[in-house]
C-alpha cells in the first residue's frame, strides 16, 4: 500500500491538505539551522512549505512516481525507503515525516534519525486526523464494507476517536525514548477547519490508503454513496481537522 499512492500523483498533490503554518514555523524555529530531511516526502506537500519558510529540503521517497512529481516542482528527492537510504555522511538540522512515519520501522527509523541529525537537531513526525462528520463517514463505511468485505480496513468503525490517533503518536514517542539519543519527546496538537464541496471531497478520497488499490467499479460505488450523502448536506460540509505531532531534539552529544 505504501507504494500505491503514486498511481495518481497529481490528484494526491492537489487534493491532500497542507500542514498548519504554525507547525512548520515551530519546527523551523526549534532547530539549529535550515537543512531539512523529509522522509516519505510524497509529492512534496510539506517540503514545499518548509522551502517557503527558508529551508533547504532533501526528500527521501520510495515511490519513483511521487519522487518525479516532487522533482518537477523544485524538490531534490532520492528514491529509497528511509531504512535503505544512504546518507553518505550528510547531516540535517531537522528530520520531518509528514503522514509517512507509519511506513517506517519505528526502531530502525529512530536510530537512523539520530544518525543523520546534528546535535540539537529536531525530529518531527506529524500527520492529520482524517475523520469527516458522521453524516459523511457512516455512508462511506457502509459502502466500503459492502464493496470490500474481505478488507481488514472494513472492520474499522465509521469514525475513529481522536484518542486512538493520540495513542499511536504516544507509541512513536516511546520508540524515540527507547533509542536514548533524544531528549524527552513532546506531543503537539493543532486544530483547524476546512470546508469541502462534494467534488473536492470526492477528489481527495481516492488518495487515501483504503481506496488506492480498489477496482474502478468498487471505487465508483463508494464515491457515489459519499456523494449522495454530501448532496443531502447541501453539497458541502466542514471538516474539523486535528494535526498531531511527536517531536524530540537530538542530544547535543555525539
Protein backbone atom coordinates (compact mmCIF):
# COMPACT_ATOMS: atom_id res chain seq x y z
CA UNK A 1 0.00 0.00 0.00
CA UNK A 2 2.90 2.36 0.75
CA UNK A 3 3.77 2.42 -2.94
CA UNK A 4 0.19 2.71 -4.23
CA UNK A 5 -0.22 6.46 -3.70
CA UNK A 6 1.79 7.33 -6.81
CA UNK A 7 -0.90 5.92 -9.10
CA UNK A 8 -2.26 9.45 -9.43
CA UNK A 9 0.40 11.75 -8.01
CA UNK A 10 -1.20 14.89 -9.42
CA UNK A 11 -4.55 14.19 -7.75
CA UNK A 12 -2.73 13.42 -4.49
CA UNK A 13 -0.86 16.71 -4.61
CA UNK A 14 -3.91 18.78 -5.48
CA UNK A 15 -6.37 17.15 -3.08
CA UNK A 16 -4.35 16.48 0.05
CA UNK A 17 -4.32 19.34 2.58
CA UNK A 18 -1.17 21.18 3.57
CA UNK A 19 0.03 21.38 7.15
CA UNK A 20 -0.65 24.16 9.66
CA UNK A 21 1.69 27.09 9.23
CA UNK A 22 2.18 27.26 13.00
CA UNK A 23 3.51 23.70 12.94
CA UNK A 24 6.02 24.48 10.21
CA UNK A 25 7.15 27.67 11.95
CA UNK A 26 7.60 25.91 15.28
CA UNK A 27 9.76 23.17 13.74
CA UNK A 28 11.92 25.67 11.85
CA UNK A 29 12.37 27.88 14.91
CA UNK A 30 13.22 24.89 17.09
CA UNK A 31 16.18 23.63 15.07
CA UNK A 32 19.83 24.69 14.90
CA UNK A 33 19.63 25.50 11.18
CA UNK A 34 17.62 25.22 7.99
CA UNK A 35 18.73 21.90 6.44
CA UNK A 36 15.70 19.59 6.43
CA UNK A 37 15.35 15.91 5.52
CA UNK A 38 11.80 14.95 4.54
CA UNK A 39 11.20 11.21 4.98
CA UNK A 40 8.47 9.84 2.75
CA UNK A 41 8.11 13.22 1.07
CA UNK A 42 5.49 12.07 -1.44
CA UNK A 43 4.76 14.82 -3.93
CA UNK A 44 6.41 17.40 -1.70
CA UNK A 45 3.40 18.99 0.02
CA UNK A 46 5.18 19.51 3.34
CA UNK A 47 8.59 20.00 1.73
CA UNK A 48 7.38 22.99 -0.28
CA UNK A 49 6.04 24.57 2.91
CA UNK A 50 9.45 24.21 4.53
CA UNK A 51 11.12 25.60 1.41
CA UNK A 52 8.81 28.61 1.59
CA UNK A 53 9.93 29.07 5.21
CA UNK A 54 13.54 29.38 4.03
CA UNK A 55 14.73 25.79 4.42
CA UNK A 56 16.82 23.66 2.10
CA UNK A 57 14.98 20.35 1.81
CA UNK A 58 16.06 16.90 0.66
CA UNK A 59 13.30 14.36 0.18
CA UNK A 60 13.52 10.59 0.52
CA UNK A 61 10.64 8.76 -1.17
CA UNK A 62 10.21 5.06 -2.06
CA UNK A 63 7.75 5.66 -4.94
CA UNK A 64 9.55 6.89 -8.06
CA UNK A 65 6.32 8.37 -9.47
CA UNK A 66 5.83 10.57 -6.43
CA UNK A 67 9.51 11.49 -6.47
CA UNK A 68 9.34 12.54 -10.12
CA UNK A 69 6.33 14.75 -9.37
CA UNK A 70 8.15 16.41 -6.47
CA UNK A 71 11.30 16.96 -8.54
CA UNK A 72 9.24 18.65 -11.25
CA UNK A 73 8.22 21.19 -8.62
CA UNK A 74 11.72 22.01 -7.50
CA UNK A 75 12.43 19.48 -4.77
CA UNK A 76 15.57 17.36 -4.62
CA UNK A 77 14.49 13.76 -3.99
CA UNK A 78 16.33 10.46 -3.64
CA UNK A 79 14.31 7.28 -4.28
CA UNK A 80 14.60 4.79 -1.41
CA UNK A 81 12.93 3.65 1.75
CA UNK A 82 14.31 5.51 4.74
CA UNK A 83 15.72 2.29 6.18
CA UNK A 84 17.68 1.58 2.97
CA UNK A 85 18.59 5.18 2.14
CA UNK A 86 22.31 6.01 2.25
CA UNK A 87 23.03 9.35 3.94
CA UNK A 88 26.70 9.28 2.80
CA UNK A 89 27.81 11.35 5.77
CA UNK A 90 25.18 14.06 5.33
CA UNK A 91 23.53 15.51 8.44
CA UNK A 92 20.50 17.74 8.91
CA UNK A 93 19.03 20.27 11.32
CA UNK A 94 15.55 18.75 11.19
CA UNK A 95 14.06 15.48 10.04
CA UNK A 96 10.36 15.59 9.23
CA UNK A 97 7.92 12.82 8.37
CA UNK A 98 4.55 14.13 7.22
CA UNK A 99 1.85 11.45 7.14
CA UNK A 100 4.55 8.85 6.46
CA UNK A 101 6.23 7.51 9.61
CA UNK A 102 3.77 4.60 9.91
CA UNK A 103 5.52 3.12 6.85
CA UNK A 104 8.91 3.25 8.62
CA UNK A 105 10.18 0.62 11.04
CA UNK A 106 9.91 2.55 14.34
CA UNK A 107 13.07 1.19 15.95
CA UNK A 108 15.29 1.41 12.85
CA UNK A 109 13.74 4.77 11.98
CA UNK A 110 14.55 6.34 15.35
CA UNK A 111 18.11 5.02 15.18
CA UNK A 112 18.67 6.38 11.67
CA UNK A 113 17.11 9.72 12.59
CA UNK A 114 19.62 10.06 15.42
CA UNK A 115 22.40 9.20 12.95
CA UNK A 116 21.51 11.89 10.40
CA UNK A 117 20.54 14.73 12.75
CA UNK A 118 23.04 17.24 14.01
CA UNK A 119 23.30 17.70 17.78
CA UNK A 120 20.17 19.63 18.88
CA UNK A 121 18.52 18.77 15.57
CA UNK A 122 14.79 18.14 15.71
CA UNK A 123 12.87 15.00 14.73
CA UNK A 124 9.26 15.90 13.91
CA UNK A 125 6.69 13.25 12.97
CA UNK A 126 3.23 14.59 12.17
CA UNK A 127 0.01 13.95 10.31
CA UNK A 128 -3.66 14.77 10.02
CA UNK A 129 -6.61 13.07 11.67
CA UNK A 130 -8.89 12.34 8.69
CA UNK A 131 -12.32 11.89 10.32
CA UNK A 132 -15.22 13.60 8.49
CA UNK A 133 -18.55 14.16 10.27
CA UNK A 134 -20.77 11.14 10.88
CA UNK A 135 -23.15 12.16 8.08
CA UNK A 136 -20.28 11.57 5.63
CA UNK A 137 -18.29 8.90 7.47
CA UNK A 138 -21.12 6.44 8.05
CA UNK A 139 -22.25 6.14 4.39
CA UNK A 140 -18.58 5.76 3.42
CA UNK A 141 -18.03 2.94 5.95
CA UNK A 142 -21.20 1.11 4.90
CA UNK A 143 -20.26 1.30 1.21
CA UNK A 144 -16.69 0.19 1.91
CA UNK A 145 -17.86 -2.86 3.85
CA UNK A 146 -20.22 -3.69 1.00
CA UNK A 147 -17.70 -3.49 -1.84
CA UNK A 148 -14.62 -4.77 0.00
CA UNK A 149 -15.94 -7.22 2.63
CA UNK A 150 -12.63 -9.04 2.92
CA UNK A 151 -10.55 -5.93 3.58
CA UNK A 152 -9.27 -5.59 7.16
CA UNK A 153 -9.99 -1.87 6.83
CA UNK A 154 -13.68 -2.67 6.54
CA UNK A 155 -13.79 -3.74 10.19
CA UNK A 156 -12.93 -0.29 11.46
CA UNK A 157 -15.63 1.98 12.93
CA UNK A 158 -17.05 4.73 10.76
CA UNK A 159 -15.31 7.36 12.87
CA UNK A 160 -12.25 6.59 14.96
CA UNK A 161 -11.79 8.60 18.16
CA UNK A 162 -9.03 11.17 18.44
CA UNK A 163 -7.67 9.20 21.40
CA UNK A 164 -6.80 6.33 19.05
CA UNK A 165 -4.60 8.61 16.96
CA UNK A 166 -3.06 10.15 20.08
CA UNK A 167 -2.20 6.66 21.33
CA UNK A 168 -0.39 5.99 18.06
CA UNK A 169 1.72 9.12 18.46
CA UNK A 170 2.43 8.16 22.07
CA UNK A 171 3.79 4.82 20.81
CA UNK A 172 6.06 6.71 18.42
CA UNK A 173 7.30 8.75 21.36
CA UNK A 174 8.04 5.54 23.28
CA UNK A 175 10.26 4.24 20.47
CA UNK A 176 12.12 7.55 20.29
CA UNK A 177 12.58 7.49 24.06
CA UNK A 178 13.90 3.93 23.92
CA UNK A 179 16.56 5.00 21.41
CA UNK A 180 18.28 7.00 24.12
CA UNK A 181 19.76 9.67 21.84
CA UNK A 182 16.92 12.18 22.07
CA UNK A 183 15.51 14.42 24.73
CA UNK A 184 12.06 13.60 26.08
CA UNK A 185 9.53 13.71 23.19
CA UNK A 186 6.79 16.31 23.11
CA UNK A 187 3.25 15.93 21.77
CA UNK A 188 1.86 18.85 19.76
CA UNK A 189 -1.71 19.39 18.58
CA UNK A 190 -3.16 21.83 16.04
CA UNK A 191 -6.92 22.14 15.45
CA UNK A 192 -8.27 23.76 12.31
CA UNK A 193 -11.16 23.59 9.85
CA UNK A 194 -11.63 23.37 6.13
CA UNK A 195 -14.83 23.47 4.08
CA UNK A 196 -15.22 20.89 1.31
CA UNK A 197 -17.60 20.81 -1.61
CA UNK A 198 -18.86 17.46 -2.85
CA UNK A 199 -16.36 17.43 -5.72
CA UNK A 200 -13.43 18.44 -3.53
CA UNK A 201 -14.03 15.63 -1.05
CA UNK A 202 -14.59 13.05 -3.79
CA UNK A 203 -11.30 14.18 -5.30
CA UNK A 204 -9.48 13.59 -2.00
CA UNK A 205 -11.00 10.21 -1.09
CA UNK A 206 -9.25 8.16 -3.82
CA UNK A 207 -5.87 9.33 -2.47
CA UNK A 208 -6.43 7.67 0.92
CA UNK A 209 -4.86 4.32 1.73
CA UNK A 210 -8.03 2.26 1.88
CA UNK A 211 -9.05 3.24 -1.65
CA UNK A 212 -5.87 3.40 -3.72
CA UNK A 213 -5.98 -0.29 -4.62
CA UNK A 214 -9.70 -0.80 -5.22
CA UNK A 215 -11.04 -1.73 -8.65
CA UNK A 216 -12.67 1.14 -10.57
CA UNK A 217 -16.21 -0.20 -10.07
CA UNK A 218 -15.62 -0.59 -6.32
CA UNK A 219 -14.32 2.96 -6.06
CA UNK A 220 -17.23 4.30 -8.10
CA UNK A 221 -19.77 2.69 -5.75
CA UNK A 222 -18.12 4.19 -2.68
CA UNK A 223 -17.80 7.64 -4.22
CA UNK A 224 -21.45 7.50 -5.31
CA UNK A 225 -22.60 6.75 -1.76
CA UNK A 226 -20.47 9.50 -0.28
CA UNK A 227 -21.52 11.97 -2.97
CA UNK A 228 -25.18 11.37 -2.20
CA UNK A 229 -24.51 11.90 1.50
CA UNK A 230 -22.82 15.25 0.82
CA UNK A 231 -25.64 16.26 -1.51
CA UNK A 232 -28.03 15.67 1.40
CA UNK A 233 -25.98 18.14 3.44
CA UNK A 234 -26.43 20.83 0.79
CA UNK A 235 -23.41 19.92 -1.32
CA UNK A 236 -20.69 20.78 1.17
CA UNK A 237 -19.54 20.16 4.75
CA UNK A 238 -16.95 21.41 7.23
CA UNK A 239 -14.07 19.10 8.07
CA UNK A 240 -12.66 19.64 11.56
CA UNK A 241 -9.04 18.59 11.31
CA UNK A 242 -6.61 17.85 14.08
CA UNK A 243 -2.92 17.66 13.16
CA UNK A 244 -0.84 15.73 15.68
CA UNK A 245 2.93 15.70 16.06
CA UNK A 246 5.50 13.84 18.08
CA UNK A 247 8.78 15.72 18.20
CA UNK A 248 12.11 15.33 20.00
CA UNK A 249 15.51 17.02 19.96
CA UNK A 250 18.65 15.02 19.30
CA UNK A 251 21.01 15.05 22.26
CA UNK A 252 23.86 17.56 21.98
CA UNK A 253 26.48 14.82 22.41
CA UNK A 254 27.72 12.60 19.54
